[in-house]
Amino acid sequence: MSVRDVIIVGAGPSGLATAIAAKHFGLDYLVLEKGALVDGIARFPLNMVFFTTPELLEIGGIPLTTPYEKPTRAEALRYYRKVVDLFQLQVSLFEEVTEIEAASDGGDPGFGAPSRFLVHTRNARGVTRVREARNVVLSMGYYGAPVMLNIPGEDLPHVSHFYQEAHHYYRQRVVIVGGKNSAAEAALEIHRAGGHVTIVHRGSAFGESIKYWVKPDIENRVKEGSIAAHFNANIVEIRATEVVLDNGHTLPAEGVLLLTGYRADPEFMRRAGVDINAETLEPKYSGETYETNVPGLFVAGGQLAGKKTGTVFIENGRFHGEVIAKTLASRLDRAP
């Protein structure tokens, strides 16, 4: 079995940027993705508009063109497909990494790293395999891992941690948990599609990070009563036709959206040997190379954010891969 220079886990923007840099430096690389290409963006609401301008989403020096001031989800998906095709990136989709195991063949590992990593995977058909690499980059991000409330009924079929479109909720009573951008946008779309929306938020008001054109809209809909809102409240139980709040009130609900945020999976990183800060859930890594406390195991993009997901976006995470690839090329004596 061949041993690659690096396996990149995650085909989001930061993972793809890492692959482009790895190819530039002549590294033998492979990207593994458990879902579709840029799966996190594919999970965004169908009509979502990015908060940022197109040039801040670009990777590999390829321009993202749009007739609008800010790109849409559909334009971003088309752009990243184009980038993968243009650079002919080696990406294996729908192949989930289940375990990363450090191994040694008894030789000199160099730089304190294990001789190789065994990367265990399972594809969409249930087929398992083991791939080998001298280095691994974790760039799975956080959007695929919702913050769970751990309350009774969270796993019921009418409950979701992701929102895509409003049509399903026409003439339905929908409870949305959350008070930031995703909750506000979902509430407005569902309301305008004929759904009956109630927002439950643990804070005293909507978050300040809501897009500037969305915030007055959602606040005015609540003020006029067309969207109901319960602030300083938490859901403690979800039932088949209603939810229960911590103040004892019940709200009827045919649909429940738990839009309470997302974060990278700390347990997966712990199993790979990475030290995780118990308070912030951030992995231990070098700010200069993005290498974790496990030599040869790197983090990129949202993978390094922990609870502070508001600090790492596509805009800054897309640059991590070039630093990592340059580090590996130097160690492996590769030139671009």
Protein backbone atom coordinates (compact mmCIF):
# COMPACT_ATOMS: atom_id res chain seq x y z
CA MET A 1 0.00 0.00 0.00
CA SER A 2 1.38 3.40 -0.98
CA VAL A 3 2.02 5.97 1.75
CA ARG A 4 0.95 9.46 0.74
CA ASP A 5 2.70 12.59 1.91
CA VAL A 6 -0.56 13.96 3.32
CA ILE A 7 -4.23 13.07 3.61
CA ILE A 8 -6.59 16.03 3.96
CA VAL A 9 -9.81 15.29 5.81
CA GLY A 10 -12.63 17.54 4.61
CA ALA A 11 -13.41 19.01 1.18
CA GLY A 12 -14.61 22.39 2.32
CA PRO A 13 -12.91 25.62 1.21
CA SER A 14 -10.02 25.23 3.67
CA GLY A 15 -9.47 21.59 2.72
CA LEU A 16 -9.55 22.41 -1.00
CA ALA A 17 -7.16 25.33 -0.47
CA THR A 18 -4.82 22.94 1.35
CA ALA A 19 -5.03 20.50 -1.57
CA ILE A 20 -4.22 23.24 -4.09
CA ALA A 21 -1.18 24.25 -2.03
CA ALA A 22 -0.12 20.61 -1.61
CA LYS A 23 -0.25 20.12 -5.38
CA HIS A 24 1.70 23.33 -5.91
CA PHE A 25 4.49 22.05 -3.66
CA GLY A 26 4.59 18.64 -5.34
CA LEU A 27 3.15 16.69 -2.40
CA ASP A 28 1.40 13.37 -2.89
CA TYR A 29 -2.00 14.22 -1.36
CA LEU A 30 -5.60 13.02 -1.21
CA VAL A 31 -8.73 14.75 0.10
CA LEU A 32 -11.34 12.62 1.88
CA GLU A 33 -14.88 13.98 2.38
CA LYS A 34 -17.71 12.19 4.17
CA GLY A 35 -20.39 14.00 2.16
CA ALA A 36 -20.68 16.03 -1.00
CA LEU A 37 -18.11 18.57 -2.15
CA VAL A 38 -18.13 21.59 0.23
CA ASP A 39 -20.79 19.71 2.17
CA GLY A 40 -21.21 22.46 4.76
CA ILE A 41 -22.13 25.02 2.11
CA ALA A 42 -24.42 22.47 0.45
CA ARG A 43 -26.31 22.29 3.78
CA PHE A 44 -26.91 26.06 3.81
CA PRO A 45 -30.45 27.35 3.13
CA LEU A 46 -31.18 27.12 -0.59
CA ASN A 47 -31.65 30.88 -1.00
CA MET A 48 -28.84 31.97 1.29
CA VAL A 49 -26.76 35.03 0.42
CA PHE A 50 -23.25 35.23 1.89
CA PHE A 51 -22.46 38.06 4.25
CA THR A 52 -19.08 38.58 2.59
CA THR A 53 -17.98 39.75 -0.85
CA PRO A 54 -16.95 37.21 -3.51
CA GLU A 55 -13.20 37.85 -3.48
CA LEU A 56 -13.04 36.78 0.17
CA LEU A 57 -14.34 33.31 -0.73
CA GLU A 58 -11.80 32.70 -3.49
CA ILE A 59 -9.13 30.00 -3.32
CA GLY A 60 -6.25 29.14 -5.63
CA GLY A 61 -6.32 32.59 -7.22
CA ILE A 62 -9.47 31.73 -9.20
CA PRO A 63 -12.03 34.58 -9.29
CA LEU A 64 -15.59 34.01 -8.10
CA THR A 65 -17.81 36.01 -10.45
CA THR A 66 -21.31 37.15 -9.59
CA PRO A 67 -23.62 39.91 -10.86
CA TYR A 68 -24.53 40.66 -7.26
CA GLU A 69 -22.71 42.50 -4.50
CA LYS A 70 -22.61 39.30 -2.43
CA PRO A 71 -22.55 35.74 -3.79
CA THR A 72 -25.30 33.19 -3.29
CA ARG A 73 -25.09 29.59 -2.11
CA ALA A 74 -25.69 28.32 -5.66
CA GLU A 75 -22.86 30.49 -7.03
CA ALA A 76 -20.48 29.28 -4.33
CA LEU A 77 -21.27 25.62 -5.04
CA ARG A 78 -20.70 26.16 -8.75
CA TYR A 79 -17.44 28.01 -8.02
CA TYR A 80 -15.91 25.28 -5.85
CA ARG A 81 -16.85 22.60 -8.40
CA LYS A 82 -15.07 24.69 -11.01
CA VAL A 83 -11.97 25.00 -8.84
CA VAL A 84 -11.76 21.24 -8.25
CA ASP A 85 -12.07 20.56 -11.98
CA LEU A 86 -9.61 23.29 -12.96
CA PHE A 87 -6.87 22.04 -10.61
CA GLN A 88 -7.88 18.38 -11.15
CA LEU A 89 -7.81 17.87 -7.39
CA GLN A 90 -7.79 14.34 -6.02
CA VAL A 91 -10.96 14.23 -3.92
CA SER A 92 -12.77 11.12 -2.70
CA LEU A 93 -16.36 12.06 -1.85
CA PHE A 94 -18.76 10.22 0.46
CA GLU A 95 -15.86 8.52 2.22
CA GLU A 96 -15.95 9.21 5.96
CA VAL A 97 -12.85 9.06 8.13
CA THR A 98 -13.77 7.02 11.20
CA GLU A 99 -10.40 6.82 12.95
CA ILE A 100 -6.87 8.18 12.66
CA GLU A 101 -4.21 5.90 14.12
CA ALA A 102 -0.55 6.77 14.54
CA ALA A 103 1.69 3.90 13.47
CA SER A 104 5.40 3.21 13.30
CA ASP A 105 7.48 0.77 11.29
CA GLY A 106 10.41 1.08 13.64
CA GLY A 107 12.36 3.45 11.43
CA ASP A 108 13.36 7.03 12.06
CA PRO A 109 10.12 9.04 11.87
CA GLY A 110 11.87 12.39 11.58
CA PHE A 111 10.73 15.66 13.18
CA GLY A 112 9.26 13.71 16.11
CA ALA A 113 6.40 12.46 13.96
CA PRO A 114 5.13 8.88 13.68
CA SER A 115 6.36 7.06 10.58
CA ARG A 116 2.84 7.12 9.20
CA PHE A 117 -0.82 7.46 10.03
CA LEU A 118 -3.41 4.80 9.35
CA VAL A 119 -6.59 6.56 8.22
CA HIS A 120 -9.62 4.30 8.57
CA THR A 121 -12.58 5.16 6.34
CA ARG A 122 -16.07 3.97 5.43
CA ASN A 123 -17.84 4.95 2.22
CA ALA A 124 -21.53 5.49 1.52
CA ARG A 125 -21.99 1.80 0.67
CA GLY A 126 -20.48 0.69 3.98
CA VAL A 127 -17.16 -0.44 2.50
CA THR A 128 -14.22 0.12 4.85
CA ARG A 129 -10.57 0.58 4.03
CA VAL A 130 -7.33 1.85 5.53
CA ARG A 131 -5.25 4.53 3.84
CA GLU A 132 -1.72 5.51 4.87
CA ALA A 133 -0.07 8.92 5.02
CA ARG A 134 2.97 10.54 6.58
CA ASN A 135 0.86 13.54 7.61
CA VAL A 136 -2.82 14.32 8.10
CA VAL A 137 -4.67 17.64 7.93
CA LEU A 138 -8.03 17.89 9.70
CA SER A 139 -10.21 20.45 7.92
CA MET A 140 -13.73 19.11 8.48
CA GLY A 141 -14.99 22.42 9.82
CA TYR A 142 -17.93 22.62 12.18
CA TYR A 143 -21.12 23.11 10.18
CA GLY A 144 -21.77 19.39 9.95
CA ALA A 145 -21.77 18.98 13.73
CA PRO A 146 -24.67 20.84 15.41
CA VAL A 147 -24.59 21.77 19.08
CA MET A 148 -26.99 19.33 20.70
CA LEU A 149 -29.41 20.44 23.42
CA ASN A 150 -29.50 16.93 24.91
CA ILE A 151 -33.19 17.14 25.79
CA PRO A 152 -35.97 14.54 25.44
CA GLY A 153 -37.44 14.45 21.94
CA GLU A 154 -34.46 16.00 20.15
CA ASP A 155 -34.31 12.97 17.85
CA LEU A 156 -37.98 13.03 16.81
CA PRO A 157 -38.61 13.02 13.03
CA HIS A 158 -40.08 16.55 12.92
CA VAL A 159 -36.97 18.02 14.57
CA SER A 160 -33.97 19.27 12.59
CA HIS A 161 -30.70 21.08 13.29
CA PHE A 162 -30.51 22.30 9.69
CA TYR A 163 -32.83 24.53 7.67
CA GLN A 164 -32.91 24.56 3.88
CA GLU A 165 -36.21 25.92 2.57
CA ALA A 166 -39.59 27.17 3.75
CA HIS A 167 -42.05 25.30 1.53
CA HIS A 168 -42.20 22.25 3.81
CA TYR A 169 -43.51 24.45 6.64
CA TYR A 170 -46.44 26.03 4.77
CA ARG A 171 -49.45 26.25 7.15
CA GLN A 172 -47.42 24.49 9.84
CA ARG A 173 -46.70 25.72 13.35
CA VAL A 174 -42.92 25.94 13.61
CA VAL A 175 -40.81 26.57 16.69
CA ILE A 176 -37.31 27.87 15.96
CA VAL A 177 -34.72 27.75 18.72
CA GLY A 178 -31.95 30.33 18.40
CA GLY A 179 -31.47 34.06 18.15
CA LYS A 180 -28.70 34.56 15.64
CA ASN A 181 -28.54 34.87 11.88
CA SER A 182 -29.64 31.38 10.81
CA ALA A 183 -32.65 31.45 13.15
CA ALA A 184 -33.70 34.93 12.03
CA GLU A 185 -33.44 34.17 8.31
CA ALA A 186 -35.32 30.88 8.68
CA ALA A 187 -38.07 32.57 10.66
CA LEU A 188 -38.55 35.27 8.03
CA GLU A 189 -38.59 32.83 5.11
CA ILE A 190 -41.04 30.46 6.77
CA HIS A 191 -43.31 33.34 7.83
CA ARG A 192 -43.44 34.68 4.28
CA ALA A 193 -44.12 31.18 2.93
CA GLY A 194 -47.25 30.86 5.07
CA GLY A 195 -45.85 29.15 8.15
CA HIS A 196 -46.72 30.14 11.73
CA VAL A 197 -43.44 30.86 13.46
CA THR A 198 -42.45 31.11 17.11
CA ILE A 199 -38.87 31.87 18.12
CA VAL A 200 -37.44 30.66 21.44
CA HIS A 201 -34.14 32.26 22.46
CA ARG A 202 -32.21 32.00 25.69
CA GLY A 203 -30.96 35.58 25.34
CA SER A 204 -32.84 38.77 26.02
CA ALA A 205 -32.72 39.95 22.38
CA PHE A 206 -31.53 38.91 18.94
CA GLY A 207 -27.76 38.61 18.47
CA GLU A 208 -25.75 41.58 17.24
CA SER A 209 -24.08 39.43 14.57
CA ILE A 210 -27.27 39.15 12.49
CA LYS A 211 -26.84 40.56 8.97
CA TYR A 212 -27.58 44.27 8.93
CA TRP A 213 -30.41 43.91 6.42
CA VAL A 214 -32.01 41.01 8.35
CA LYS A 215 -31.96 42.37 11.92
CA PRO A 216 -34.51 45.24 11.52
CA ASP A 217 -36.74 42.95 9.47
CA ILE A 218 -36.97 40.22 12.13
CA GLU A 219 -37.30 42.77 14.95
CA ASN A 220 -40.18 44.51 13.18
CA ARG A 221 -41.98 41.22 12.49
CA VAL A 222 -41.77 40.34 16.19
CA LYS A 223 -42.86 43.83 17.20
CA GLU A 224 -45.95 43.67 15.00
CA GLY A 225 -46.78 40.17 16.23
CA SER A 226 -46.57 38.32 12.90
CA ILE A 227 -43.70 36.26 14.35
CA ALA A 228 -44.00 35.28 18.02
CA ALA A 229 -40.91 35.30 20.23
CA HIS A 230 -40.04 34.04 23.73
CA PHE A 231 -36.79 35.57 25.02
CA ASN A 232 -34.92 34.47 28.14
CA ALA A 233 -36.42 31.03 27.58
CA ASN A 234 -35.18 27.50 26.88
CA ILE A 235 -36.83 24.37 25.54
CA VAL A 236 -36.63 21.47 27.99
CA GLU A 237 -38.63 18.85 26.09
CA ILE A 238 -39.92 18.20 22.58
CA ARG A 239 -43.07 16.16 22.11
CA ALA A 240 -44.91 14.92 19.03
CA THR A 241 -47.10 18.02 18.72
CA GLU A 242 -45.63 20.55 21.16
CA VAL A 243 -42.54 21.80 22.96
CA VAL A 244 -42.14 22.53 26.66
CA LEU A 245 -40.32 25.63 27.91
CA ASP A 246 -38.41 25.95 31.17
CA ASN A 247 -41.11 28.29 32.48
CA GLY A 248 -43.67 25.50 32.15
CA HIS A 249 -45.40 26.90 29.04
CA THR A 250 -46.07 24.63 26.07
CA LEU A 251 -46.07 25.71 22.43
CA PRO A 252 -47.79 23.76 19.64
CA ALA A 253 -45.37 22.63 16.93
CA GLU A 254 -45.58 20.47 13.82
CA GLY A 255 -41.96 21.38 13.08
CA VAL A 256 -38.99 22.24 15.31
CA LEU A 257 -35.74 23.81 14.08
CA LEU A 258 -32.89 23.76 16.59
CA LEU A 259 -30.61 26.41 15.08
CA THR A 260 -28.35 26.68 18.10
CA GLY A 261 -24.98 26.68 16.37
CA TYR A 262 -22.31 24.21 15.32
CA ARG A 263 -18.77 23.29 16.34
CA ALA A 264 -16.00 20.93 15.32
CA ASP A 265 -16.13 17.51 16.96
CA PRO A 266 -13.67 17.58 19.89
CA GLU A 267 -14.07 13.86 20.61
CA PHE A 268 -12.86 12.88 17.15
CA MET A 269 -9.71 14.94 17.68
CA ARG A 270 -9.20 13.53 21.18
CA ARG A 271 -9.33 9.98 19.81
CA ALA A 272 -6.56 10.96 17.40
CA GLY A 273 -4.45 12.10 20.37
CA VAL A 274 -5.00 15.86 20.11
CA ASP A 275 -5.14 17.78 23.38
CA ILE A 276 -8.41 19.71 23.66
CA ASN A 277 -8.91 22.71 25.93
CA ALA A 278 -11.71 21.69 28.31
CA GLU A 279 -13.12 25.22 28.48
CA THR A 280 -12.85 26.46 24.89
CA LEU A 281 -12.81 23.06 23.10
CA GLU A 282 -9.95 24.35 20.94
CA PRO A 283 -7.29 21.84 19.86
CA LYS A 284 -3.70 22.43 20.92
CA TYR A 285 -1.77 23.59 17.86
CA SER A 286 1.11 25.79 16.76
CA GLY A 287 0.08 29.24 15.60
CA GLU A 288 2.98 29.18 13.13
CA THR A 289 2.43 25.82 11.42
CA TYR A 290 -1.08 24.70 12.57
CA GLU A 291 0.48 21.43 13.72
CA THR A 292 -1.20 19.90 16.77
CA ASN A 293 0.53 18.31 19.74
CA VAL A 294 0.52 15.12 17.65
CA PRO A 295 3.48 15.59 15.27
CA GLY A 296 2.38 15.34 11.67
CA LEU A 297 -1.29 15.99 12.47
CA PHE A 298 -2.48 19.47 11.48
CA VAL A 299 -5.70 21.49 11.76
CA ALA A 300 -7.06 24.01 9.25
CA GLY A 301 -10.09 26.25 8.88
CA GLY A 302 -12.96 25.90 11.33
CA GLN A 303 -11.37 22.79 12.82
CA LEU A 304 -9.27 24.97 15.12
CA ALA A 305 -12.10 27.24 16.35
CA GLY A 306 -13.52 25.27 19.28
CA LYS A 307 -16.47 27.16 20.72
CA LYS A 308 -15.25 30.39 19.08
CA THR A 309 -16.78 29.66 15.69
CA GLY A 310 -17.25 33.36 15.07
CA THR A 311 -13.47 33.77 14.74
CA VAL A 312 -12.82 31.41 11.82
CA PHE A 313 -14.58 31.80 8.48
CA ILE A 314 -13.83 30.91 4.87
CA GLU A 315 -12.23 34.35 4.61
CA ASN A 316 -9.35 33.53 6.97
CA GLY A 317 -9.42 29.71 7.09
CA ARG A 318 -8.58 29.47 3.38
CA PHE A 319 -5.00 30.63 4.11
CA HIS A 320 -4.13 27.89 6.61
CA GLY A 321 -3.47 25.27 3.94
CA GLU A 322 -0.69 27.18 2.24
CA VAL A 323 1.19 27.46 5.55
CA ILE A 324 0.73 23.74 6.20
CA ALA A 325 1.79 22.70 2.68
CA LYS A 326 4.86 24.91 2.81
CA THR A 327 5.81 23.38 6.15
CA LEU A 328 5.45 19.84 4.80
CA ALA A 329 7.32 20.64 1.60
CA SER A 330 10.22 21.97 3.63
CA ARG A 331 10.33 18.86 5.81
CA LEU A 332 10.03 16.50 2.85
CA ASP A 333 12.48 18.53 0.75
CA ARG A 334 9.96 19.27 -1.99
CA ALA A 335 10.04 22.32 -4.24
CA PRO A 336 7.10 23.92 -6.04
